[in-house]
Amino acid sequence: MRAAVFDRFGPPEVLHVVHIPDPQPGPGEVRVRVLAAGVQPFDVAVRQGQMPWAKITFPQTIGQEYAGVIDAVGEGVRDFVVGDPVLGSTMLNGAAELLCVAAETVVRKPAALDFPTAAALVAASQTASGALLELNAGPDDVLLVHAAAGSVGTIATQLARRAGATVIGTASPRNHDRLRRQGAIPVAYGPQLIRDLHDLGLKPTVALDAAGGEAIAQSIELGITPDRVGTIVDDKAAAEHGAHVVRAGRDPQRLAQVVELAARGEVVMPVQLFPLDQVVEAHRAVESRHSEGKVVLLIAS
C-alpha cells in the first residue's frame, strides 16, 4: 500500500509517499481502505519533532483521522462487516491507503456525508464538543472563539449556537462572511480586538482559544474569569494566567453526534482538498495557519 512517511524531523519537505506492507487486522480490529484523511496541527508538531512523548520509529507514517470503507475484519468483530463506510481516530497512520483500528473506536458514516467531509470532522468534532463541555458553555453565555474560522473553531461556533449561546468569532476579514453564515458575530483578531468588542457593546463570559499568542490575555482583560478561559494550543499562557488547558479526549459517541448533525446539514465544515501525492503542500497549508476550514488528503477515489 501507499502511505505518507517521514525519515527525519523537519519541514514539510521531509514527507514523501512510499509503498509499505499492507497491515493485517488483529482480534477486535477492522481494516479500513482509506478514502480521505484529515491533516491537523498535531501532525505538523509530530513531524517537526515537537512531541517528544510520541513513539516515533523512522520511517514513520503519520495522520490521526480517516474516513473510508472496511475491507477486512479481525477475529471477534461482530458490529461491522466488509463494505461498511466508517470514520474515526487513529494514531500516526491515517495518511495511508490501509489502516487497522480497534472496532470499538469506529463510527459509521451516514450515507448523506461524503468521505472528505467525514474525515474533516473527526478531530475537530471531538475537540470542540469536549471543550464546550469542559467550559460549561450554555445558552446564557457569550462565547468568544479565537480562530473561529479554523476547524475546531468552526465546529465550536456551530455547536455553541445550537446550544443557544451568543458567539463572537475572531478571524481575518476574508472569513467574516462565513462566520456570519455559521451564526457568529465576526471580529478581526489582533491588538484592536478589545477595543472593537467594547465598541460593539459585547461582553464575553467564556472563551475558547484555538489561536494562541495574546488570546488568553485578551480574554481575561475582557473580564472573563480564568476558570472560564480554555485553550487547546497555548499551555504556557494558560499556566501564566490560570486558564484551562483543554484536553478533550477521543470519544466516538461525541463524534457520532456531530457527524449526524453534519449529515442533516445542521453543521458544516469547509474542506480544502489535496491528493496524497501533495502531502507536502497539505502540511504547508496547515502549518501556515491560514487554511480555510479543514485540510484533507484524498487517499483514493
C-alpha atoms as a PDB file:
ATOM      1  CA  MET A   1       0.000   0.000   0.000  1.00  0.00           C
ATOM      2  CA  ARG A   2       0.984   3.665  -0.368  1.00  0.00           C
ATOM      3  CA  ALA A   3       1.486   5.844   2.706  1.00  0.00           C
ATOM      4  CA  ALA A   4       2.960   9.208   3.629  1.00  0.00           C
ATOM      5  CA  VAL A   5       6.087   8.848   5.762  1.00  0.00           C
ATOM      6  CA  PHE A   6       8.987  10.925   7.061  1.00  0.00           C
ATOM      7  CA  ASP A   7      12.531   9.720   7.783  1.00  0.00           C
ATOM      8  CA  ARG A   8      13.630  12.612   9.986  1.00  0.00           C
ATOM      9  CA  PHE A   9      12.117  15.555  11.809  1.00  0.00           C
ATOM     10  CA  GLY A  10      11.882  18.779   9.876  1.00  0.00           C
ATOM     11  CA  PRO A  11       9.842  20.937   7.485  1.00  0.00           C
ATOM     12  CA  PRO A  12       7.050  19.632   5.243  1.00  0.00           C
ATOM     13  CA  GLU A  13       9.615  18.564   2.646  1.00  0.00           C
ATOM     14  CA  VAL A  14      10.707  15.612   4.821  1.00  0.00           C
ATOM     15  CA  LEU A  15       7.408  13.938   3.895  1.00  0.00           C
ATOM     16  CA  HIS A  16       7.153  11.588   0.926  1.00  0.00           C
ATOM     17  CA  VAL A  17       4.910   8.787  -0.301  1.00  0.00           C
ATOM     18  CA  VAL A  18       6.235   5.218  -0.323  1.00  0.00           C
ATOM     19  CA  HIS A  19       4.979   1.647  -0.647  1.00  0.00           C
ATOM     20  CA  ILE A  20       4.894  -0.311   2.602  1.00  0.00           C
ATOM     21  CA  PRO A  21       3.415  -3.725   3.530  1.00  0.00           C
ATOM     22  CA  ASP A  22      -0.353  -3.973   3.977  1.00  0.00           C
ATOM     23  CA  PRO A  23      -1.405  -4.147   7.647  1.00  0.00           C
ATOM     24  CA  GLN A  24      -3.498  -7.089   8.842  1.00  0.00           C
ATOM     25  CA  PRO A  25      -6.290  -6.720  11.411  1.00  0.00           C
ATOM     26  CA  GLY A  26      -5.793  -8.420  14.753  1.00  0.00           C
ATOM     27  CA  PRO A  27      -8.504  -9.620  17.135  1.00  0.00           C
ATOM     28  CA  GLY A  28     -11.118  -6.914  17.712  1.00  0.00           C
ATOM     29  CA  GLU A  29      -9.792  -4.794  14.827  1.00  0.00           C
ATOM     30  CA  VAL A  30     -11.075  -3.785  11.432  1.00  0.00           C
ATOM     31  CA  ARG A  31      -9.032  -2.815   8.401  1.00  0.00           C
ATOM     32  CA  VAL A  32     -10.159   0.298   6.578  1.00  0.00           C
ATOM     33  CA  ARG A  33      -9.443   1.183   2.965  1.00  0.00           C
ATOM     34  CA  VAL A  34      -8.916   4.896   3.497  1.00  0.00           C
ATOM     35  CA  LEU A  35     -10.502   7.310   1.040  1.00  0.00           C
ATOM     36  CA  ALA A  36      -9.785  10.570   2.872  1.00  0.00           C
ATOM     37  CA  ALA A  37      -7.539  11.573   5.777  1.00  0.00           C
ATOM     38  CA  GLY A  38      -7.526  14.799   7.749  1.00  0.00           C
ATOM     39  CA  VAL A  39      -4.354  16.769   8.449  1.00  0.00           C
ATOM     40  CA  GLN A  40      -4.154  18.599  11.759  1.00  0.00           C
ATOM     41  CA  PRO A  41      -1.682  20.750  13.719  1.00  0.00           C
ATOM     42  CA  PHE A  42      -0.783  17.700  15.803  1.00  0.00           C
ATOM     43  CA  ASP A  43       0.587  16.061  12.648  1.00  0.00           C
ATOM     44  CA  VAL A  44       2.709  19.131  11.981  1.00  0.00           C
ATOM     45  CA  ALA A  45       4.072  19.105  15.538  1.00  0.00           C
ATOM     46  CA  VAL A  46       4.937  15.395  15.338  1.00  0.00           C
ATOM     47  CA  ARG A  47       6.691  15.881  12.018  1.00  0.00           C
ATOM     48  CA  GLN A  48       8.682  18.788  13.476  1.00  0.00           C
ATOM     49  CA  GLY A  49       9.776  16.710  16.489  1.00  0.00           C
ATOM     50  CA  GLN A  50       7.814  18.816  18.982  1.00  0.00           C
ATOM     51  CA  MET A  51       6.014  15.843  20.556  1.00  0.00           C
ATOM     52  CA  PRO A  52       8.773  14.019  22.463  1.00  0.00           C
ATOM     53  CA  TRP A  53       6.283  11.634  24.076  1.00  0.00           C
ATOM     54  CA  ALA A  54       5.145  10.322  20.676  1.00  0.00           C
ATOM     55  CA  LYS A  55       6.689   6.956  19.842  1.00  0.00           C
ATOM     56  CA  ILE A  56       8.463   7.571  16.535  1.00  0.00           C
ATOM     57  CA  THR A  57      10.192   4.871  14.508  1.00  0.00           C
ATOM     58  CA  PHE A  58      11.656   6.012  11.189  1.00  0.00           C
ATOM     59  CA  PRO A  59      10.393   5.731   8.531  1.00  0.00           C
ATOM     60  CA  GLN A  60       7.308   6.989  10.375  1.00  0.00           C
ATOM     61  CA  THR A  61       3.787   7.090   8.993  1.00  0.00           C
ATOM     62  CA  ILE A  62       1.535   9.984  10.008  1.00  0.00           C
ATOM     63  CA  GLY A  63      -2.111  11.003  10.338  1.00  0.00           C
ATOM     64  CA  GLN A  64      -4.762  10.897  13.076  1.00  0.00           C
ATOM     65  CA  GLU A  65      -8.148  10.919  11.319  1.00  0.00           C
ATOM     66  CA  TYR A  66      -9.644   8.931   8.467  1.00  0.00           C
ATOM     67  CA  ALA A  67     -12.772   8.034   6.537  1.00  0.00           C
ATOM     68  CA  GLY A  68     -13.114   5.002   4.314  1.00  0.00           C
ATOM     69  CA  VAL A  69     -14.620   1.553   3.838  1.00  0.00           C
ATOM     70  CA  ILE A  70     -13.955  -1.575   5.886  1.00  0.00           C
ATOM     71  CA  ASP A  71     -12.264  -4.216   3.734  1.00  0.00           C
ATOM     72  CA  ALA A  72     -11.371  -6.831   6.385  1.00  0.00           C
ATOM     73  CA  VAL A  73     -12.397  -7.680   9.957  1.00  0.00           C
ATOM     74  CA  GLY A  74     -10.416  -9.358  12.697  1.00  0.00           C
ATOM     75  CA  GLU A  75     -11.452 -12.181  14.966  1.00  0.00           C
ATOM     76  CA  GLY A  76     -14.304 -11.331  17.313  1.00  0.00           C
ATOM     77  CA  VAL A  77     -15.642  -8.319  15.416  1.00  0.00           C
ATOM     78  CA  ARG A  78     -19.439  -8.514  15.274  1.00  0.00           C
ATOM     79  CA  ASP A  79     -20.646  -4.939  14.783  1.00  0.00           C
ATOM     80  CA  PHE A  80     -19.016  -4.259  11.397  1.00  0.00           C
ATOM     81  CA  VAL A  81     -18.734  -6.125   8.107  1.00  0.00           C
ATOM     82  CA  VAL A  82     -16.721  -5.676   4.934  1.00  0.00           C
ATOM     83  CA  GLY A  83     -18.154  -2.789   2.918  1.00  0.00           C
ATOM     84  CA  ASP A  84     -19.274  -0.636   5.854  1.00  0.00           C
ATOM     85  CA  PRO A  85     -18.396   3.072   5.354  1.00  0.00           C
ATOM     86  CA  VAL A  86     -16.762   4.414   8.514  1.00  0.00           C
ATOM     87  CA  LEU A  87     -14.651   7.155  10.048  1.00  0.00           C
ATOM     88  CA  GLY A  88     -12.684   7.687  13.212  1.00  0.00           C
ATOM     89  CA  SER A  89      -9.490   8.469  15.055  1.00  0.00           C
ATOM     90  CA  THR A  90      -6.198   6.650  14.708  1.00  0.00           C
ATOM     91  CA  MET A  91      -2.594   7.211  15.755  1.00  0.00           C
ATOM     92  CA  LEU A  92       0.147   8.138  13.292  1.00  0.00           C
ATOM     93  CA  ASN A  93      -1.094   6.034  10.392  1.00  0.00           C
ATOM     94  CA  GLY A  94      -4.097   7.809   8.839  1.00  0.00           C
ATOM     95  CA  ALA A  95      -2.393   9.107   5.689  1.00  0.00           C
ATOM     96  CA  ALA A  96      -2.234   5.680   4.092  1.00  0.00           C
ATOM     97  CA  GLU A  97      -4.304   3.512   1.790  1.00  0.00           C
ATOM     98  CA  LEU A  98      -4.998   0.955   4.541  1.00  0.00           C
ATOM     99  CA  LEU A  99      -5.065   1.103   8.323  1.00  0.00           C
ATOM    100  CA  CYS A 100      -6.147  -1.143  11.169  1.00  0.00           C
ATOM    101  CA  VAL A 101      -8.030   0.214  14.174  1.00  0.00           C
ATOM    102  CA  ALA A 102      -9.934  -1.158  17.159  1.00  0.00           C
ATOM    103  CA  ALA A 103     -13.546  -1.747  16.141  1.00  0.00           C
ATOM    104  CA  GLU A 104     -14.784  -0.040  19.317  1.00  0.00           C
ATOM    105  CA  THR A 105     -13.325   3.280  18.145  1.00  0.00           C
ATOM    106  CA  VAL A 106     -15.029   3.251  14.739  1.00  0.00           C
ATOM    107  CA  VAL A 107     -18.049   5.424  13.829  1.00  0.00           C
ATOM    108  CA  ARG A 108     -20.412   4.620  10.983  1.00  0.00           C
ATOM    109  CA  LYS A 109     -20.507   7.171   8.172  1.00  0.00           C
ATOM    110  CA  PRO A 110     -24.014   8.326   7.218  1.00  0.00           C
ATOM    111  CA  ALA A 111     -24.793   7.953   3.520  1.00  0.00           C
ATOM    112  CA  ALA A 112     -25.551  11.679   3.215  1.00  0.00           C
ATOM    113  CA  LEU A 113     -21.997  12.619   4.239  1.00  0.00           C
ATOM    114  CA  ASP A 114     -19.145  12.443   1.729  1.00  0.00           C
ATOM    115  CA  PHE A 115     -15.829  10.886   2.725  1.00  0.00           C
ATOM    116  CA  PRO A 116     -13.677  14.077   2.706  1.00  0.00           C
ATOM    117  CA  THR A 117     -16.134  15.900   4.971  1.00  0.00           C
ATOM    118  CA  ALA A 118     -16.363  12.874   7.245  1.00  0.00           C
ATOM    119  CA  ALA A 119     -12.578  12.820   7.643  1.00  0.00           C
ATOM    120  CA  ALA A 120     -12.558  16.569   8.215  1.00  0.00           C
ATOM    121  CA  LEU A 121     -14.947  16.251  11.143  1.00  0.00           C
ATOM    122  CA  VAL A 122     -13.067  13.658  13.191  1.00  0.00           C
ATOM    123  CA  ALA A 123     -10.666  15.624  15.392  1.00  0.00           C
ATOM    124  CA  ALA A 124     -12.450  18.975  15.305  1.00  0.00           C
ATOM    125  CA  SER A 125     -15.764  17.474  16.422  1.00  0.00           C
ATOM    126  CA  GLN A 126     -14.274  15.665  19.393  1.00  0.00           C
ATOM    127  CA  THR A 127     -12.105  18.601  20.453  1.00  0.00           C
ATOM    128  CA  ALA A 128     -14.804  21.263  20.062  1.00  0.00           C
ATOM    129  CA  SER A 129     -17.609  19.321  21.714  1.00  0.00           C
ATOM    130  CA  GLY A 130     -15.347  18.292  24.587  1.00  0.00           C
ATOM    131  CA  ALA A 131     -14.093  21.846  25.081  1.00  0.00           C
ATOM    132  CA  LEU A 132     -17.614  23.257  25.295  1.00  0.00           C
ATOM    133  CA  LEU A 133     -18.469  20.630  27.908  1.00  0.00           C
ATOM    134  CA  GLU A 134     -15.352  21.424  29.956  1.00  0.00           C
ATOM    135  CA  LEU A 135     -16.082  25.157  29.815  1.00  0.00           C
ATOM    136  CA  ASN A 136     -19.769  24.564  30.590  1.00  0.00           C
ATOM    137  CA  ALA A 137     -20.801  26.886  27.765  1.00  0.00           C
ATOM    138  CA  GLY A 138     -24.569  27.264  27.706  1.00  0.00           C
ATOM    139  CA  PRO A 139     -27.479  29.358  26.426  1.00  0.00           C
ATOM    140  CA  ASP A 140     -26.801  32.267  28.783  1.00  0.00           C
ATOM    141  CA  ASP A 141     -23.194  32.649  27.659  1.00  0.00           C
ATOM    142  CA  VAL A 142     -21.429  34.925  25.224  1.00  0.00           C
ATOM    143  CA  LEU A 143     -18.664  32.697  23.889  1.00  0.00           C
ATOM    144  CA  LEU A 144     -15.527  34.241  22.403  1.00  0.00           C
ATOM    145  CA  VAL A 145     -13.879  31.801  19.964  1.00  0.00           C
ATOM    146  CA  HIS A 146     -10.342  32.741  18.990  1.00  0.00           C
ATOM    147  CA  ALA A 147      -9.561  31.423  15.474  1.00  0.00           C
ATOM    148  CA  ALA A 148     -13.202  30.723  14.734  1.00  0.00           C
ATOM    149  CA  ALA A 149     -12.519  30.038  11.044  1.00  0.00           C
ATOM    150  CA  GLY A 150     -10.234  27.077  11.796  1.00  0.00           C
ATOM    151  CA  SER A 151     -11.561  23.550  12.015  1.00  0.00           C
ATOM    152  CA  VAL A 152     -12.100  23.433  15.806  1.00  0.00           C
ATOM    153  CA  GLY A 153     -13.429  26.986  15.873  1.00  0.00           C
ATOM    154  CA  THR A 154     -15.829  26.199  13.040  1.00  0.00           C
ATOM    155  CA  ILE A 155     -17.397  23.283  14.912  1.00  0.00           C
ATOM    156  CA  ALA A 156     -17.335  25.006  18.316  1.00  0.00           C
ATOM    157  CA  THR A 157     -19.136  28.025  16.870  1.00  0.00           C
ATOM    158  CA  GLN A 158     -21.938  25.951  15.396  1.00  0.00           C
ATOM    159  CA  LEU A 159     -22.383  23.702  18.422  1.00  0.00           C
ATOM    160  CA  ALA A 160     -22.468  26.679  20.783  1.00  0.00           C
ATOM    161  CA  ARG A 161     -25.045  28.429  18.625  1.00  0.00           C
ATOM    162  CA  ARG A 162     -27.172  25.273  18.628  1.00  0.00           C
ATOM    163  CA  ALA A 163     -26.970  25.333  22.425  1.00  0.00           C
ATOM    164  CA  GLY A 164     -28.300  28.900  22.442  1.00  0.00           C
ATOM    165  CA  ALA A 165     -25.100  30.799  23.210  1.00  0.00           C
ATOM    166  CA  THR A 166     -24.127  34.053  21.531  1.00  0.00           C
ATOM    167  CA  VAL A 167     -20.816  33.522  19.712  1.00  0.00           C
ATOM    168  CA  ILE A 168     -18.148  36.077  18.844  1.00  0.00           C
ATOM    169  CA  GLY A 169     -15.541  34.694  16.468  1.00  0.00           C
ATOM    170  CA  THR A 170     -12.123  36.115  15.673  1.00  0.00           C
ATOM    171  CA  ALA A 171     -10.849  35.643  12.129  1.00  0.00           C
ATOM    172  CA  SER A 172      -9.253  37.524   9.285  1.00  0.00           C
ATOM    173  CA  PRO A 173     -11.752  39.784   7.465  1.00  0.00           C
ATOM    174  CA  ARG A 174     -11.886  37.463   4.428  1.00  0.00           C
ATOM    175  CA  ASN A 175     -13.577  34.840   6.642  1.00  0.00           C
ATOM    176  CA  HIS A 176     -16.121  37.139   8.295  1.00  0.00           C
ATOM    177  CA  ASP A 177     -18.948  36.329   5.908  1.00  0.00           C
ATOM    178  CA  ARG A 178     -18.512  32.626   6.589  1.00  0.00           C
ATOM    179  CA  LEU A 179     -18.617  33.228  10.339  1.00  0.00           C
ATOM    180  CA  ARG A 180     -21.850  35.163   9.925  1.00  0.00           C
ATOM    181  CA  ARG A 181     -23.367  32.262   7.999  1.00  0.00           C
ATOM    182  CA  GLN A 182     -22.411  29.990  10.893  1.00  0.00           C
ATOM    183  CA  GLY A 183     -24.184  32.284  13.332  1.00  0.00           C
ATOM    184  CA  ALA A 184     -21.207  34.098  14.848  1.00  0.00           C
ATOM    185  CA  ILE A 185     -20.514  37.796  15.245  1.00  0.00           C
ATOM    186  CA  PRO A 186     -17.147  38.219  13.483  1.00  0.00           C
ATOM    187  CA  VAL A 187     -14.319  40.429  14.696  1.00  0.00           C
ATOM    188  CA  ALA A 188     -10.756  40.782  13.455  1.00  0.00           C
ATOM    189  CA  TYR A 189      -8.035  39.286  15.606  1.00  0.00           C
ATOM    190  CA  GLY A 190      -5.160  41.445  16.781  1.00  0.00           C
ATOM    191  CA  PRO A 191      -4.427  44.181  19.322  1.00  0.00           C
ATOM    192  CA  GLN A 192      -7.608  46.093  18.425  1.00  0.00           C
ATOM    193  CA  LEU A 193      -9.866  43.206  19.488  1.00  0.00           C
ATOM    194  CA  ILE A 194     -10.625  44.559  22.952  1.00  0.00           C
ATOM    195  CA  ARG A 195     -11.489  47.995  21.605  1.00  0.00           C
ATOM    196  CA  ASP A 196     -13.678  46.522  18.885  1.00  0.00           C
ATOM    197  CA  LEU A 197     -15.667  44.454  21.365  1.00  0.00           C
ATOM    198  CA  HIS A 198     -16.135  47.444  23.659  1.00  0.00           C
ATOM    199  CA  ASP A 199     -17.361  49.455  20.675  1.00  0.00           C
ATOM    200  CA  LEU A 200     -19.844  46.702  19.835  1.00  0.00           C
ATOM    201  CA  GLY A 201     -21.091  46.610  23.420  1.00  0.00           C
ATOM    202  CA  LEU A 202     -20.372  42.875  23.713  1.00  0.00           C
ATOM    203  CA  LYS A 203     -19.138  41.331  26.970  1.00  0.00           C
ATOM    204  CA  PRO A 204     -17.924  37.726  26.624  1.00  0.00           C
ATOM    205  CA  THR A 205     -18.468  35.341  29.535  1.00  0.00           C
ATOM    206  CA  VAL A 206     -16.421  32.365  28.300  1.00  0.00           C
ATOM    207  CA  ALA A 207     -13.585  31.927  25.799  1.00  0.00           C
ATOM    208  CA  LEU A 208     -12.111  29.105  23.723  1.00  0.00           C
ATOM    209  CA  ASP A 209      -8.617  29.766  22.404  1.00  0.00           C
ATOM    210  CA  ALA A 210      -7.607  27.918  19.240  1.00  0.00           C
ATOM    211  CA  ALA A 211      -5.141  30.625  18.195  1.00  0.00           C
ATOM    212  CA  GLY A 212      -2.546  31.096  20.931  1.00  0.00           C
ATOM    213  CA  GLY A 213      -0.468  34.233  21.312  1.00  0.00           C
ATOM    214  CA  GLU A 214      -2.334  37.051  23.017  1.00  0.00           C
ATOM    215  CA  ALA A 215      -5.725  35.307  23.018  1.00  0.00           C
ATOM    216  CA  ILE A 216      -5.779  34.233  26.681  1.00  0.00           C
ATOM    217  CA  ALA A 217      -4.518  37.588  27.968  1.00  0.00           C
ATOM    218  CA  GLN A 218      -7.105  39.411  25.848  1.00  0.00           C
ATOM    219  CA  SER A 219      -9.899  37.147  27.097  1.00  0.00           C
ATOM    220  CA  ILE A 220      -9.061  37.895  30.725  1.00  0.00           C
ATOM    221  CA  GLU A 221      -8.675  41.616  30.016  1.00  0.00           C
ATOM    222  CA  LEU A 222     -12.217  41.496  28.624  1.00  0.00           C
ATOM    223  CA  GLY A 223     -13.423  40.388  32.043  1.00  0.00           C
ATOM    224  CA  ILE A 224     -13.732  36.624  31.559  1.00  0.00           C
ATOM    225  CA  THR A 225     -12.692  34.770  34.707  1.00  0.00           C
ATOM    226  CA  PRO A 226      -9.674  32.470  34.162  1.00  0.00           C
ATOM    227  CA  ASP A 227     -11.691  29.368  35.069  1.00  0.00           C
ATOM    228  CA  ARG A 228     -13.873  30.022  32.009  1.00  0.00           C
ATOM    229  CA  VAL A 229     -10.998  30.522  29.581  1.00  0.00           C
ATOM    230  CA  GLY A 230      -9.827  27.362  27.822  1.00  0.00           C
ATOM    231  CA  THR A 231      -7.078  26.814  25.288  1.00  0.00           C
ATOM    232  CA  ILE A 232      -6.261  23.914  23.004  1.00  0.00           C
ATOM    233  CA  VAL A 233      -2.951  25.394  21.818  1.00  0.00           C
ATOM    234  CA  ASP A 234      -1.177  27.503  24.455  1.00  0.00           C
ATOM    235  CA  ASP A 235      -0.225  25.624  27.636  1.00  0.00           C
ATOM    236  CA  LYS A 236       2.344  28.274  28.618  1.00  0.00           C
ATOM    237  CA  ALA A 237      -0.120  31.171  28.542  1.00  0.00           C
ATOM    238  CA  ALA A 238      -2.703  29.073  30.365  1.00  0.00           C
ATOM    239  CA  ALA A 239      -0.259  28.438  33.208  1.00  0.00           C
ATOM    240  CA  GLU A 240       0.688  32.122  33.312  1.00  0.00           C
ATOM    241  CA  HIS A 241      -2.901  33.323  33.595  1.00  0.00           C
ATOM    242  CA  GLY A 242      -4.536  30.427  35.449  1.00  0.00           C
ATOM    243  CA  ALA A 243      -6.652  29.386  32.457  1.00  0.00           C
ATOM    244  CA  HIS A 244      -7.637  25.845  31.461  1.00  0.00           C
ATOM    245  CA  VAL A 245      -5.732  23.644  29.053  1.00  0.00           C
ATOM    246  CA  VAL A 246      -8.497  21.734  27.315  1.00  0.00           C
ATOM    247  CA  ARG A 247      -7.558  18.125  26.628  1.00  0.00           C
ATOM    248  CA  ALA A 248     -10.859  16.756  25.386  1.00  0.00           C
ATOM    249  CA  GLY A 249     -10.228  13.064  24.863  1.00  0.00           C
ATOM    250  CA  ARG A 250     -11.343  10.995  21.920  1.00  0.00           C
ATOM    251  CA  ASP A 251     -14.965   9.954  22.236  1.00  0.00           C
ATOM    252  CA  PRO A 252     -16.649   8.053  19.382  1.00  0.00           C
ATOM    253  CA  GLN A 253     -20.075   8.845  20.830  1.00  0.00           C
ATOM    254  CA  ARG A 254     -19.499  12.603  20.725  1.00  0.00           C
ATOM    255  CA  LEU A 255     -18.067  12.255  17.229  1.00  0.00           C
ATOM    256  CA  ALA A 256     -21.112  10.290  16.069  1.00  0.00           C
ATOM    257  CA  GLN A 257     -23.425  13.006  17.381  1.00  0.00           C
ATOM    258  CA  VAL A 258     -21.682  15.748  15.393  1.00  0.00           C
ATOM    259  CA  VAL A 259     -21.476  13.530  12.310  1.00  0.00           C
ATOM    260  CA  GLU A 260     -25.247  13.041  12.412  1.00  0.00           C
ATOM    261  CA  LEU A 261     -25.754  16.806  12.597  1.00  0.00           C
ATOM    262  CA  ALA A 262     -23.447  17.234   9.598  1.00  0.00           C
ATOM    263  CA  ALA A 263     -25.322  14.574   7.640  1.00  0.00           C
ATOM    264  CA  ARG A 264     -28.519  16.597   8.167  1.00  0.00           C
ATOM    265  CA  GLY A 265     -26.805  19.803   7.074  1.00  0.00           C
ATOM    266  CA  GLU A 266     -27.031  21.297  10.567  1.00  0.00           C
ATOM    267  CA  VAL A 267     -23.235  21.503  10.975  1.00  0.00           C
ATOM    268  CA  VAL A 268     -20.953  22.380   8.070  1.00  0.00           C
ATOM    269  CA  MET A 269     -17.203  22.114   7.600  1.00  0.00           C
ATOM    270  CA  PRO A 270     -15.354  23.736   4.685  1.00  0.00           C
ATOM    271  CA  VAL A 271     -12.769  21.351   3.248  1.00  0.00           C
ATOM    272  CA  GLN A 272      -9.527  22.084   1.391  1.00  0.00           C
ATOM    273  CA  LEU A 273      -8.525  19.021  -0.629  1.00  0.00           C
ATOM    274  CA  PHE A 274      -5.058  17.737  -1.603  1.00  0.00           C
ATOM    275  CA  PRO A 275      -4.213  14.393  -3.246  1.00  0.00           C
ATOM    276  CA  LEU A 276      -1.937  12.122  -1.216  1.00  0.00           C
ATOM    277  CA  ASP A 277       0.967  12.902  -3.557  1.00  0.00           C
ATOM    278  CA  GLN A 278       0.678  16.542  -2.430  1.00  0.00           C
ATOM    279  CA  VAL A 279       1.077  15.749   1.272  1.00  0.00           C
ATOM    280  CA  VAL A 280       3.910  18.303   1.466  1.00  0.00           C
ATOM    281  CA  GLU A 281       1.604  21.066   0.217  1.00  0.00           C
ATOM    282  CA  ALA A 282      -1.127  19.918   2.604  1.00  0.00           C
ATOM    283  CA  HIS A 283       1.219  20.203   5.571  1.00  0.00           C
ATOM    284  CA  ARG A 284       2.369  23.625   4.391  1.00  0.00           C
ATOM    285  CA  ALA A 285      -1.257  24.766   4.355  1.00  0.00           C
ATOM    286  CA  VAL A 286      -1.840  23.600   7.929  1.00  0.00           C
ATOM    287  CA  GLU A 287       1.486  24.972   9.119  1.00  0.00           C
ATOM    288  CA  SER A 288       0.656  28.388   7.654  1.00  0.00           C
ATOM    289  CA  ARG A 289      -2.391  28.567   9.983  1.00  0.00           C
ATOM    290  CA  HIS A 290      -4.264  30.365   7.221  1.00  0.00           C
ATOM    291  CA  SER A 291      -6.083  27.434   5.658  1.00  0.00           C
ATOM    292  CA  GLU A 292      -9.853  27.824   5.449  1.00  0.00           C
ATOM    293  CA  GLY A 293     -11.637  25.103   7.325  1.00  0.00           C
ATOM    294  CA  LYS A 294     -10.024  21.676   7.293  1.00  0.00           C
ATOM    295  CA  VAL A 295      -7.171  20.337   5.163  1.00  0.00           C
ATOM    296  CA  VAL A 296      -7.916  16.805   3.906  1.00  0.00           C
ATOM    297  CA  LEU A 297      -5.854  14.368   1.867  1.00  0.00           C
ATOM    298  CA  LEU A 298      -7.620  12.372  -0.838  1.00  0.00           C
ATOM    299  CA  ILE A 299      -6.136   8.920  -0.468  1.00  0.00           C
ATOM    300  CA  ALA A 300      -8.181   7.098  -3.122  1.00  0.00           C
ATOM    301  CA  SER A 301     -11.188   7.794  -5.316  1.00  0.00           C
END
